[in-house]
Full PDB file with SEQRES, HELIX, SHEET, SSBOND, CRYST1, ORIGX, SCALE, CONECT and MASTER records, all heavy atoms in Angstrom:
SEQRES   1 A   42  SER PHE LEU VAL GLN ASP GLY GLN THR ARG HIS THR GLY          
SEQRES   2 A   42  LEU GLU LEU ALA ALA GLN GLY ARG VAL PHE ASP ALA LEU          
SEQRES   3 A   42  ASN ILE TYR GLY GLY MET THR PHE SER ARG THR LYS ILE          
SEQRES   4 A   42  ARG LYS ALA                                                  
SHEET    1 AA1 2 GLN A   8  PHE A  23  0                                        
SHEET    2 AA1 2 LEU A  26  ARG A  40 -1                                        
CRYST1    1.000    1.000    1.000  90.00  90.00  90.00 P 1           1          
ORIGX1      1.000000  0.000000  0.000000        0.00000                         
ORIGX2      0.000000  1.000000  0.000000        0.00000                         
ORIGX3      0.000000  0.000000  1.000000        0.00000                         
SCALE1      1.000000  0.000000  0.000000        0.00000                         
SCALE2      0.000000  1.000000  0.000000        0.00000                         
SCALE3      0.000000  0.000000  1.000000        0.00000                         
ATOM      1  N   SER A   1     118.568 119.304  84.481  1.00  0.00           N  
ATOM      2  CA  SER A   1     118.217 117.885  84.664  1.00  0.00           C  
ATOM      3  C   SER A   1     119.415 116.948  84.776  1.00  0.00           C  
ATOM      4  O   SER A   1     119.383 115.813  84.287  1.00  0.00           O  
ATOM      5  CB  SER A   1     117.286 117.413  83.536  1.00  0.00           C  
ATOM      6  OG  SER A   1     116.078 118.114  83.562  1.00  0.00           O  
ATOM      7  N   PHE A   2     120.484 117.411  85.427  1.00  0.00           N  
ATOM      8  CA  PHE A   2     121.587 116.532  85.784  1.00  0.00           C  
ATOM      9  C   PHE A   2     121.509 116.262  87.287  1.00  0.00           C  
ATOM     10  O   PHE A   2     121.257 117.175  88.075  1.00  0.00           O  
ATOM     11  CB  PHE A   2     122.938 117.165  85.449  1.00  0.00           C  
ATOM     12  CG  PHE A   2     123.307 117.098  83.999  1.00  0.00           C  
ATOM     13  CD1 PHE A   2     122.831 118.053  83.105  1.00  0.00           C  
ATOM     14  CD2 PHE A   2     124.108 116.072  83.521  1.00  0.00           C  
ATOM     15  CE1 PHE A   2     123.159 118.001  81.757  1.00  0.00           C  
ATOM     16  CE2 PHE A   2     124.447 116.015  82.173  1.00  0.00           C  
ATOM     17  CZ  PHE A   2     123.974 116.970  81.289  1.00  0.00           C  
ATOM     18  N   LEU A   3     121.713 115.002  87.690  1.00  0.00           N  
ATOM     19  CA  LEU A   3     121.760 114.670  89.113  1.00  0.00           C  
ATOM     20  C   LEU A   3     123.193 114.828  89.591  1.00  0.00           C  
ATOM     21  O   LEU A   3     124.113 114.203  89.040  1.00  0.00           O  
ATOM     22  CB  LEU A   3     121.275 113.243  89.361  1.00  0.00           C  
ATOM     23  CG  LEU A   3     121.116 112.853  90.832  1.00  0.00           C  
ATOM     24  CD1 LEU A   3     119.972 113.637  91.463  1.00  0.00           C  
ATOM     25  CD2 LEU A   3     120.887 111.355  90.987  1.00  0.00           C  
ATOM     26  N   VAL A   4     123.389 115.663  90.623  1.00  0.00           N  
ATOM     27  CA  VAL A   4     124.735 115.976  91.081  1.00  0.00           C  
ATOM     28  C   VAL A   4     124.828 115.829  92.595  1.00  0.00           C  
ATOM     29  O   VAL A   4     123.830 115.873  93.315  1.00  0.00           O  
ATOM     30  CB  VAL A   4     125.138 117.412  90.687  1.00  0.00           C  
ATOM     31  CG1 VAL A   4     125.139 117.580  89.180  1.00  0.00           C  
ATOM     32  CG2 VAL A   4     124.205 118.439  91.348  1.00  0.00           C  
ATOM     33  N   GLN A   5     126.065 115.630  93.065  1.00  0.00           N  
ATOM     34  CA  GLN A   5     126.377 115.716  94.483  1.00  0.00           C  
ATOM     35  C   GLN A   5     127.055 117.045  94.722  1.00  0.00           C  
ATOM     36  O   GLN A   5     128.039 117.370  94.063  1.00  0.00           O  
ATOM     37  CB  GLN A   5     127.318 114.583  94.898  1.00  0.00           C  
ATOM     38  CG  GLN A   5     126.655 113.235  95.055  1.00  0.00           C  
ATOM     39  CD  GLN A   5     127.641 112.149  95.456  1.00  0.00           C  
ATOM     40  OE1 GLN A   5     128.841 112.316  95.291  1.00  0.00           O  
ATOM     41  NE2 GLN A   5     127.135 111.046  95.961  1.00  0.00           N  
ATOM     42  N   ASP A   6     126.521 117.807  95.668  1.00  0.00           N  
ATOM     43  CA  ASP A   6     127.092 119.130  95.910  1.00  0.00           C  
ATOM     44  C   ASP A   6     126.727 119.562  97.318  1.00  0.00           C  
ATOM     45  O   ASP A   6     125.553 119.663  97.665  1.00  0.00           O  
ATOM     46  CB  ASP A   6     126.549 120.133  94.883  1.00  0.00           C  
ATOM     47  CG  ASP A   6     127.013 121.549  95.188  1.00  0.00           C  
ATOM     48  OD1 ASP A   6     128.171 121.717  95.605  1.00  0.00           O  
ATOM     49  OD2 ASP A   6     126.202 122.477  95.020  1.00  0.00           O  
ATOM     50  N   GLY A   7     127.725 119.811  98.146  1.00  0.00           N  
ATOM     51  CA  GLY A   7     127.459 120.314  99.481  1.00  0.00           C  
ATOM     52  C   GLY A   7     127.012 119.232 100.443  1.00  0.00           C  
ATOM     53  O   GLY A   7     127.345 118.059 100.309  1.00  0.00           O  
ATOM     54  N   GLN A   8     126.214 119.639 101.419  1.00  0.00           N  
ATOM     55  CA  GLN A   8     125.858 118.761 102.527  1.00  0.00           C  
ATOM     56  C   GLN A   8     124.419 119.029 102.961  1.00  0.00           C  
ATOM     57  O   GLN A   8     123.927 120.151 102.861  1.00  0.00           O  
ATOM     58  CB  GLN A   8     126.814 119.010 103.694  1.00  0.00           C  
ATOM     59  CG  GLN A   8     126.599 118.154 104.917  1.00  0.00           C  
ATOM     60  CD  GLN A   8     127.449 118.631 106.077  1.00  0.00           C  
ATOM     61  OE1 GLN A   8     127.111 119.605 106.761  1.00  0.00           O  
ATOM     62  NE2 GLN A   8     128.576 117.966 106.308  1.00  0.00           N  
ATOM     63  N   THR A   9     123.748 117.985 103.412  1.00  0.00           N  
ATOM     64  CA  THR A   9     122.444 118.155 104.049  1.00  0.00           C  
ATOM     65  C   THR A   9     122.585 117.826 105.536  1.00  0.00           C  
ATOM     66  O   THR A   9     123.314 116.893 105.907  1.00  0.00           O  
ATOM     67  CB  THR A   9     121.376 117.240 103.429  1.00  0.00           C  
ATOM     68  OG1 THR A   9     121.796 115.873 103.532  1.00  0.00           O  
ATOM     69  CG2 THR A   9     121.147 117.597 101.973  1.00  0.00           C  
ATOM     70  N   ARG A  10     121.914 118.605 106.362  1.00  0.00           N  
ATOM     71  CA  ARG A  10     121.906 118.348 107.805  1.00  0.00           C  
ATOM     72  C   ARG A  10     120.486 118.022 108.239  1.00  0.00           C  
ATOM     73  O   ARG A  10     119.570 118.833 108.071  1.00  0.00           O  
ATOM     74  CB  ARG A  10     122.449 119.535 108.578  1.00  0.00           C  
ATOM     75  CG  ARG A  10     122.263 119.430 110.097  1.00  0.00           C  
ATOM     76  CD  ARG A  10     123.176 120.368 110.842  1.00  0.00           C  
ATOM     77  NE  ARG A  10     124.575 119.941 110.741  1.00  0.00           N  
ATOM     78  CZ  ARG A  10     125.589 120.614 111.282  1.00  0.00           C  
ATOM     79  NH1 ARG A  10     125.362 121.740 111.944  1.00  0.00           N  
ATOM     80  NH2 ARG A  10     126.824 120.156 111.161  1.00  0.00           N  
ATOM     81  N   HIS A  11     120.309 116.837 108.795  1.00  0.00           N  
ATOM     82  CA  HIS A  11     119.018 116.385 109.305  1.00  0.00           C  
ATOM     83  C   HIS A  11     119.060 116.469 110.832  1.00  0.00           C  
ATOM     84  O   HIS A  11     119.907 115.811 111.458  1.00  0.00           O  
ATOM     85  CB  HIS A  11     118.732 114.937 108.898  1.00  0.00           C  
ATOM     86  CG  HIS A  11     118.918 114.659 107.441  1.00  0.00           C  
ATOM     87  ND1 HIS A  11     117.855 114.430 106.593  1.00  0.00           N  
ATOM     88  CD2 HIS A  11     120.030 114.573 106.680  1.00  0.00           C  
ATOM     89  CE1 HIS A  11     118.315 114.202 105.368  1.00  0.00           C  
ATOM     90  NE2 HIS A  11     119.623 114.285 105.394  1.00  0.00           N  
ATOM     91  N   THR A  12     118.180 117.233 111.428  1.00  0.00           N  
ATOM     92  CA  THR A  12     118.074 117.298 112.879  1.00  0.00           C  
ATOM     93  C   THR A  12     116.639 116.987 113.269  1.00  0.00           C  
ATOM     94  O   THR A  12     115.696 117.391 112.568  1.00  0.00           O  
ATOM     95  CB  THR A  12     118.466 118.685 113.418  1.00  0.00           C  
ATOM     96  OG1 THR A  12     117.660 119.687 112.781  1.00  0.00           O  
ATOM     97  CG2 THR A  12     119.932 118.978 113.145  1.00  0.00           C  
ATOM     98  N   GLY A  13     116.466 116.262 114.364  1.00  0.00           N  
ATOM     99  CA  GLY A  13     115.103 115.916 114.700  1.00  0.00           C  
ATOM    100  C   GLY A  13     114.949 115.284 116.066  1.00  0.00           C  
ATOM    101  O   GLY A  13     115.913 115.007 116.791  1.00  0.00           O  
ATOM    102  N   LEU A  14     113.688 115.064 116.403  1.00  0.00           N  
ATOM    103  CA  LEU A  14     113.278 114.416 117.640  1.00  0.00           C  
ATOM    104  C   LEU A  14     112.299 113.312 117.287  1.00  0.00           C  
ATOM    105  O   LEU A  14     111.321 113.552 116.570  1.00  0.00           O  
ATOM    106  CB  LEU A  14     112.624 115.428 118.585  1.00  0.00           C  
ATOM    107  CG  LEU A  14     111.871 114.856 119.791  1.00  0.00           C  
ATOM    108  CD1 LEU A  14     112.841 114.178 120.754  1.00  0.00           C  
ATOM    109  CD2 LEU A  14     111.073 115.948 120.508  1.00  0.00           C  
ATOM    110  N   GLU A  15     112.554 112.107 117.795  1.00  0.00           N  
ATOM    111  CA  GLU A  15     111.658 110.981 117.574  1.00  0.00           C  
ATOM    112  C   GLU A  15     111.117 110.500 118.913  1.00  0.00           C  
ATOM    113  O   GLU A  15     111.875 110.326 119.879  1.00  0.00           O  
ATOM    114  CB  GLU A  15     112.382 109.826 116.884  1.00  0.00           C  
ATOM    115  CG  GLU A  15     112.745 110.098 115.434  1.00  0.00           C  
ATOM    116  CD  GLU A  15     113.380 108.885 114.770  1.00  0.00           C  
ATOM    117  OE1 GLU A  15     113.752 107.936 115.494  1.00  0.00           O  
ATOM    118  OE2 GLU A  15     113.511 108.887 113.540  1.00  0.00           O  
ATOM    119  N   LEU A  16     109.812 110.260 118.963  1.00  0.00           N  
ATOM    120  CA  LEU A  16     109.151 109.702 120.140  1.00  0.00           C  
ATOM    121  C   LEU A  16     108.361 108.479 119.700  1.00  0.00           C  
ATOM    122  O   LEU A  16     107.683 108.515 118.662  1.00  0.00           O  
ATOM    123  CB  LEU A  16     108.204 110.725 120.778  1.00  0.00           C  
ATOM    124  CG  LEU A  16     108.809 112.074 121.181  1.00  0.00           C  
ATOM    125  CD1 LEU A  16     107.706 113.044 121.594  1.00  0.00           C  
ATOM    126  CD2 LEU A  16     109.806 111.887 122.322  1.00  0.00           C  
ATOM    127  N   ALA A  17     108.426 107.398 120.460  1.00  0.00           N  
ATOM    128  CA  ALA A  17     107.723 106.177 120.076  1.00  0.00           C  
ATOM    129  C   ALA A  17     107.246 105.444 121.322  1.00  0.00           C  
ATOM    130  O   ALA A  17     107.855 105.535 122.396  1.00  0.00           O  
ATOM    131  CB  ALA A  17     108.614 105.270 119.241  1.00  0.00           C  
ATOM    132  N   ALA A  18     106.138 104.731 121.169  1.00  0.00           N  
ATOM    133  CA  ALA A  18     105.575 103.929 122.256  1.00  0.00           C  
ATOM    134  C   ALA A  18     104.934 102.683 121.654  1.00  0.00           C  
ATOM    135  O   ALA A  18     104.281 102.756 120.610  1.00  0.00           O  
ATOM    136  CB  ALA A  18     104.543 104.722 123.055  1.00  0.00           C  
ATOM    137  N   GLN A  19     105.122 101.561 122.315  1.00  0.00           N  
ATOM    138  CA  GLN A  19     104.455 100.344 121.866  1.00  0.00           C  
ATOM    139  C   GLN A  19     104.249  99.425 123.047  1.00  0.00           C  
ATOM    140  O   GLN A  19     105.014  99.444 124.010  1.00  0.00           O  
ATOM    141  CB  GLN A  19     105.275  99.626 120.793  1.00  0.00           C  
ATOM    142  CG  GLN A  19     106.605  99.075 121.258  1.00  0.00           C  
ATOM    143  CD  GLN A  19     107.342  98.360 120.152  1.00  0.00           C  
ATOM    144  OE1 GLN A  19     107.567  98.901 119.075  1.00  0.00           O  
ATOM    145  NE2 GLN A  19     107.741  97.129 120.415  1.00  0.00           N  
ATOM    146  N   GLY A  20     103.181  98.635 122.976  1.00  0.00           N  
ATOM    147  CA  GLY A  20     102.906  97.687 124.047  1.00  0.00           C  
ATOM    148  C   GLY A  20     101.436  97.664 124.413  1.00  0.00           C  
ATOM    149  O   GLY A  20     100.577  98.235 123.733  1.00  0.00           O  
ATOM    150  N   ARG A  21     101.150  97.021 125.523  1.00  0.00           N  
ATOM    151  CA  ARG A  21      99.779  96.820 125.990  1.00  0.00           C  
ATOM    152  C   ARG A  21      99.417  97.882 127.018  1.00  0.00           C  
ATOM    153  O   ARG A  21     100.061  97.976 128.071  1.00  0.00           O  
ATOM    154  CB  ARG A  21      99.638  95.420 126.580  1.00  0.00           C  
ATOM    155  CG  ARG A  21      98.210  95.012 126.912  1.00  0.00           C  
ATOM    156  CD  ARG A  21      98.173  93.567 127.384  1.00  0.00           C  
ATOM    157  NE  ARG A  21      98.546  92.658 126.315  1.00  0.00           N  
ATOM    158  CZ  ARG A  21      97.697  92.179 125.412  1.00  0.00           C  
ATOM    159  NH1 ARG A  21      96.411  92.540 125.464  1.00  0.00           N  
ATOM    160  NH2 ARG A  21      98.108  91.360 124.482  1.00  0.00           N  
ATOM    161  N   VAL A  22      98.389  98.668 126.688  1.00  0.00           N  
ATOM    162  CA  VAL A  22      97.917  99.701 127.613  1.00  0.00           C  
ATOM    163  C   VAL A  22      97.138  99.047 128.750  1.00  0.00           C  
ATOM    164  O   VAL A  22      97.340  99.328 129.923  1.00  0.00           O  
ATOM    165  CB  VAL A  22      97.052 100.733 126.878  1.00  0.00           C  
ATOM    166  CG1 VAL A  22      96.560 101.806 127.854  1.00  0.00           C  
ATOM    167  CG2 VAL A  22      97.830 101.375 125.741  1.00  0.00           C  
ATOM    168  N   PHE A  23      96.177  98.180 128.407  1.00  0.00           N  
ATOM    169  CA  PHE A  23      95.505  97.319 129.368  1.00  0.00           C  
ATOM    170  C   PHE A  23      95.209  95.999 128.668  1.00  0.00           C  
ATOM    171  O   PHE A  23      95.643  95.790 127.532  1.00  0.00           O  
ATOM    172  CB  PHE A  23      94.253  97.978 129.965  1.00  0.00           C  
ATOM    173  CG  PHE A  23      93.300  98.530 128.951  1.00  0.00           C  
ATOM    174  CD1 PHE A  23      92.341  97.739 128.340  1.00  0.00           C  
ATOM    175  CD2 PHE A  23      93.351  99.884 128.611  1.00  0.00           C  
ATOM    176  CE1 PHE A  23      91.462  98.266 127.415  1.00  0.00           C  
ATOM    177  CE2 PHE A  23      92.472 100.416 127.684  1.00  0.00           C  
ATOM    178  CZ  PHE A  23      91.527  99.605 127.087  1.00  0.00           C  
ATOM    179  N   ASP A  24      94.515  95.098 129.318  1.00  0.00           N  
ATOM    180  CA  ASP A  24      94.407  93.721 128.836  1.00  0.00           C  
ATOM    181  C   ASP A  24      93.966  93.620 127.382  1.00  0.00           C  
ATOM    182  O   ASP A  24      94.440  92.759 126.641  1.00  0.00           O  
ATOM    183  CB  ASP A  24      93.432  92.932 129.720  1.00  0.00           C  
ATOM    184  CG  ASP A  24      94.035  92.623 131.081  1.00  0.00           C  
ATOM    185  OD1 ASP A  24      95.262  92.756 131.212  1.00  0.00           O  
ATOM    186  OD2 ASP A  24      93.279  92.258 132.002  1.00  0.00           O  
ATOM    187  N   ALA A  25      93.061  94.485 126.936  1.00  0.00           N  
ATOM    188  CA  ALA A  25      92.482  94.314 125.607  1.00  0.00           C  
ATOM    189  C   ALA A  25      93.058  95.246 124.547  1.00  0.00           C  
ATOM    190  O   ALA A  25      92.748  95.096 123.372  1.00  0.00           O  
ATOM    191  CB  ALA A  25      90.964  94.518 125.678  1.00  0.00           C  
ATOM    192  N   LEU A  26      93.881  96.220 124.941  1.00  0.00           N  
ATOM    193  CA  LEU A  26      94.319  97.248 124.003  1.00  0.00           C  
ATOM    194  C   LEU A  26      95.836  97.271 123.847  1.00  0.00           C  
ATOM    195  O   LEU A  26      96.568  97.416 124.827  1.00  0.00           O  
ATOM    196  CB  LEU A  26      93.830  98.626 124.457  1.00  0.00           C  
ATOM    197  CG  LEU A  26      94.212  99.812 123.561  1.00  0.00           C  
ATOM    198  CD1 LEU A  26      93.576  99.680 122.187  1.00  0.00           C  
ATOM    199  CD2 LEU A  26      93.812 101.135 124.200  1.00  0.00           C  
ATOM    200  N   ASN A  27      96.297  97.151 122.596  1.00  0.00           N  
ATOM    201  CA  ASN A  27      97.702  97.314 122.248  1.00  0.00           C  
ATOM    202  C   ASN A  27      97.853  98.541 121.350  1.00  0.00           C  
ATOM    203  O   ASN A  27      96.995  98.784 120.477  1.00  0.00           O  
ATOM    204  CB  ASN A  27      98.226  96.094 121.491  1.00  0.00           C  
ATOM    205  CG  ASN A  27      98.421  94.898 122.400  1.00  0.00           C  
ATOM    206  OD1 ASN A  27      99.230  94.934 123.315  1.00  0.00           O  
ATOM    207  ND2 ASN A  27      97.663  93.832 122.151  1.00  0.00           N  
ATOM    208  N   ILE A  28      98.937  99.274 121.545  1.00  0.00           N  
ATOM    209  CA  ILE A  28      99.198 100.432 120.689  1.00  0.00           C  
ATOM    210  C   ILE A  28     100.626 100.376 120.166  1.00  0.00           C  
ATOM    211  O   ILE A  28     101.527  99.830 120.810  1.00  0.00           O  
ATOM    212  CB  ILE A  28      98.962 101.780 121.412  1.00  0.00           C  
ATOM    213  CG1 ILE A  28     100.048 102.032 122.476  1.00  0.00           C  
ATOM    214  CG2 ILE A  28      97.585 101.852 122.018  1.00  0.00           C  
ATOM    215  CD1 ILE A  28     100.052 103.452 122.999  1.00  0.00           C  
ATOM    216  N   TYR A  29     100.795 100.921 118.963  1.00  0.00           N  
ATOM    217  CA  TYR A  29     102.115 101.076 118.347  1.00  0.00           C  
ATOM    218  C   TYR A  29     102.090 102.448 117.685  1.00  0.00           C  
ATOM    219  O   TYR A  29     101.294 102.674 116.773  1.00  0.00           O  
ATOM    220  CB  TYR A  29     102.374  99.989 117.305  1.00  0.00           C  
ATOM    221  CG  TYR A  29     102.125  98.588 117.802  1.00  0.00           C  
ATOM    222  CD1 TYR A  29     100.841  98.039 117.763  1.00  0.00           C  
ATOM    223  CD2 TYR A  29     103.164  97.816 118.312  1.00  0.00           C  
ATOM    224  CE1 TYR A  29     100.606  96.751 118.218  1.00  0.00           C  
ATOM    225  CE2 TYR A  29     102.942  96.530 118.769  1.00  0.00           C  
ATOM    226  CZ  TYR A  29     101.652  96.002 118.720  1.00  0.00           C  
ATOM    227  OH  TYR A  29     101.426  94.729 119.181  1.00  0.00           O  
ATOM    228  N   GLY A  30     102.919 103.347 118.159  1.00  0.00           N  
ATOM    229  CA  GLY A  30     102.833 104.697 117.610  1.00  0.00           C  
ATOM    230  C   GLY A  30     104.112 105.472 117.788  1.00  0.00           C  
ATOM    231  O   GLY A  30     105.012 105.102 118.547  1.00  0.00           O  
ATOM    232  N   GLY A  31     104.179 106.579 117.059  1.00  0.00           N  
ATOM    233  CA  GLY A  31     105.328 107.444 117.173  1.00  0.00           C  
ATOM    234  C   GLY A  31     105.146 108.712 116.384  1.00  0.00           C  
ATOM    235  O   GLY A  31     104.228 108.830 115.560  1.00  0.00           O  
ATOM    236  N   MET A  32     106.009 109.666 116.642  1.00  0.00           N  
ATOM    237  CA  MET A  32     105.996 110.925 115.904  1.00  0.00           C  
ATOM    238  C   MET A  32     107.420 111.418 115.741  1.00  0.00           C  
ATOM    239  O   MET A  32     108.288 111.128 116.568  1.00  0.00           O  
ATOM    240  CB  MET A  32     105.123 111.966 116.605  1.00  0.00           C  
ATOM    241  CG  MET A  32     105.545 112.323 118.006  1.00  0.00           C  
ATOM    242  SD  MET A  32     104.406 113.526 118.779  1.00  0.00           S  
ATOM    243  CE  MET A  32     102.917 112.538 118.890  1.00  0.00           C  
ATOM    244  N   THR A  33     107.640 112.148 114.662  1.00  0.00           N  
ATOM    245  CA  THR A  33     108.963 112.672 114.359  1.00  0.00           C  
ATOM    246  C   THR A  33     108.858 114.141 113.981  1.00  0.00           C  
ATOM    247  O   THR A  33     108.043 114.509 113.129  1.00  0.00           O  
ATOM    248  CB  THR A  33     109.615 111.898 113.196  1.00  0.00           C  
ATOM    249  OG1 THR A  33     109.710 110.518 113.544  1.00  0.00           O  
ATOM    250  CG2 THR A  33     111.011 112.436 112.907  1.00  0.00           C  
ATOM    251  N   PHE A  34     109.659 114.963 114.633  1.00  0.00           N  
ATOM    252  CA  PHE A  34     109.817 116.364 114.274  1.00  0.00           C  
ATOM    253  C   PHE A  34     111.211 116.501 113.661  1.00  0.00           C  
ATOM    254  O   PHE A  34     112.201 116.130 114.298  1.00  0.00           O  
ATOM    255  CB  PHE A  34     109.703 117.272 115.500  1.00  0.00           C  
ATOM    256  CG  PHE A  34     108.437 117.092 116.286  1.00  0.00           C  
ATOM    257  CD1 PHE A  34     108.340 116.104 117.259  1.00  0.00           C  
ATOM    258  CD2 PHE A  34     107.338 117.908 116.058  1.00  0.00           C  
ATOM    259  CE1 PHE A  34     107.175 115.933 117.991  1.00  0.00           C  
ATOM    260  CE2 PHE A  34     106.168 117.744 116.787  1.00  0.00           C  
ATOM    261  CZ  PHE A  34     106.091 116.760 117.752  1.00  0.00           C  
ATOM    262  N   SER A  35     111.304 117.021 112.454  1.00  0.00           N  
ATOM    263  CA  SER A  35     112.620 117.066 111.812  1.00  0.00           C  
ATOM    264  C   SER A  35     112.772 118.316 110.957  1.00  0.00           C  
ATOM    265  O   SER A  35     111.794 118.893 110.483  1.00  0.00           O  
ATOM    266  CB  SER A  35     112.834 115.822 110.945  1.00  0.00           C  
ATOM    267  OG  SER A  35     111.925 115.790 109.872  1.00  0.00           O  
ATOM    268  N   ARG A  36     114.030 118.703 110.784  1.00  0.00           N  
ATOM    269  CA  ARG A  36     114.406 119.789 109.874  1.00  0.00           C  
ATOM    270  C   ARG A  36     115.559 119.277 109.022  1.00  0.00           C  
ATOM    271  O   ARG A  36     116.517 118.708 109.537  1.00  0.00           O  
ATOM    272  CB  ARG A  36     114.851 121.038 110.645  1.00  0.00           C  
ATOM    273  CG  ARG A  36     113.757 121.702 111.447  1.00  0.00           C  
ATOM    274  CD  ARG A  36     112.742 122.405 110.561  1.00  0.00           C  
ATOM    275  NE  ARG A  36     113.326 123.461 109.774  1.00  0.00           N  
ATOM    276  CZ  ARG A  36     113.472 124.722 110.214  1.00  0.00           C  
ATOM    277  NH1 ARG A  36     113.101 125.047 111.428  1.00  0.00           N  
ATOM    278  NH2 ARG A  36     113.998 125.634 109.429  1.00  0.00           N  
ATOM    279  N   THR A  37     115.470 119.501 107.730  1.00  0.00           N  
ATOM    280  CA  THR A  37     116.522 119.071 106.812  1.00  0.00           C  
ATOM    281  C   THR A  37     116.929 120.250 105.958  1.00  0.00           C  
ATOM    282  O   THR A  37     116.131 120.765 105.169  1.00  0.00           O  
ATOM    283  CB  THR A  37     116.033 117.920 105.914  1.00  0.00           C  
ATOM    284  OG1 THR A  37     115.571 116.852 106.745  1.00  0.00           O  
ATOM    285  CG2 THR A  37     117.157 117.412 105.042  1.00  0.00           C  
ATOM    286  N   LYS A  38     118.165 120.697 106.116  1.00  0.00           N  
ATOM    287  CA  LYS A  38     118.656 121.880 105.420  1.00  0.00           C  
ATOM    288  C   LYS A  38     119.830 121.529 104.521  1.00  0.00           C  
ATOM    289  O   LYS A  38     120.661 120.682 104.856  1.00  0.00           O  
ATOM    290  CB  LYS A  38     119.101 122.951 106.425  1.00  0.00           C  
ATOM    291  CG  LYS A  38     117.985 123.507 107.301  1.00  0.00           C  
ATOM    292  CD  LYS A  38     117.030 124.367 106.496  1.00  0.00           C  
ATOM    293  CE  LYS A  38     116.022 125.066 107.418  1.00  0.00           C  
ATOM    294  NZ  LYS A  38     115.104 125.927 106.654  1.00  0.00           N  
ATOM    295  N   ILE A  39     119.902 122.214 103.376  1.00  0.00           N  
ATOM    296  CA  ILE A  39     121.040 122.083 102.473  1.00  0.00           C  
ATOM    297  C   ILE A  39     122.120 123.077 102.915  1.00  0.00           C  
ATOM    298  O   ILE A  39     121.843 124.260 103.117  1.00  0.00           O  
ATOM    299  CB  ILE A  39     120.617 122.333 101.018  1.00  0.00           C  
ATOM    300  CG1 ILE A  39     119.587 121.290 100.581  1.00  0.00           C  
ATOM    301  CG2 ILE A  39     121.820 122.318 100.085  1.00  0.00           C  
ATOM    302  CD1 ILE A  39     119.027 121.507  99.189  1.00  0.00           C  
ATOM    303  N   ARG A  40     123.354 122.593 103.077  1.00  0.00           N  
ATOM    304  CA  ARG A  40     124.461 123.414 103.557  1.00  0.00           C  
ATOM    305  C   ARG A  40     125.660 123.262 102.624  1.00  0.00           C  
ATOM    306  O   ARG A  40     125.803 122.266 101.928  1.00  0.00           O  
ATOM    307  CB  ARG A  40     124.882 122.997 104.979  1.00  0.00           C  
ATOM    308  CG  ARG A  40     123.755 122.914 105.967  1.00  0.00           C  
ATOM    309  CD  ARG A  40     124.175 122.252 107.270  1.00  0.00           C  
ATOM    310  NE  ARG A  40     125.108 123.089 108.024  1.00  0.00           N  
ATOM    311  CZ  ARG A  40     126.345 122.733 108.321  1.00  0.00           C  
ATOM    312  NH1 ARG A  40     126.813 121.561 107.911  1.00  0.00           N  
ATOM    313  NH2 ARG A  40     127.132 123.539 109.015  1.00  0.00           N  
ATOM    314  N   LYS A  41     126.517 124.254 102.640  1.00  0.00           N  
ATOM    315  CA  LYS A  41     127.812 124.194 101.955  1.00  0.00           C  
ATOM    316  C   LYS A  41     127.677 123.797 100.482  1.00  0.00           C  
ATOM    317  O   LYS A  41     128.492 123.035  99.951  1.00  0.00           O  
ATOM    318  CB  LYS A  41     128.739 123.209 102.669  1.00  0.00           C  
ATOM    319  CG  LYS A  41     128.987 123.529 104.136  1.00  0.00           C  
ATOM    320  CD  LYS A  41     129.864 122.473 104.781  1.00  0.00           C  
ATOM    321  CE  LYS A  41     130.078 122.758 106.249  1.00  0.00           C  
ATOM    322  NZ  LYS A  41     130.905 121.714 106.904  1.00  0.00           N  
ATOM    323  N   ALA A  42     126.666 124.292  99.826  1.00  0.00           N  
ATOM    324  CA  ALA A  42     126.449 123.968  98.416  1.00  0.00           C  
ATOM    325  C   ALA A  42     126.532 125.235  97.572  1.00  0.00           C  
ATOM    326  O   ALA A  42     126.495 126.357  98.079  1.00  0.00           O  
ATOM    327  CB  ALA A  42     125.083 123.301  98.233  1.00  0.00           C  
TER     328      ALA A  42                                                      
MASTER        0    0    0    0    2    0    0    6  327    1    0    4          
END                                                                             
């Protein structure tokens, strides 16, 4: 139960996002993220 700094984390990912008016009455705001986060050199 000690909080320590040790090594490195590598975050890799892909982000996709869209926002705006699809047609006169419909607005959308959305996105998705695919990511991997690994602990390295620890």
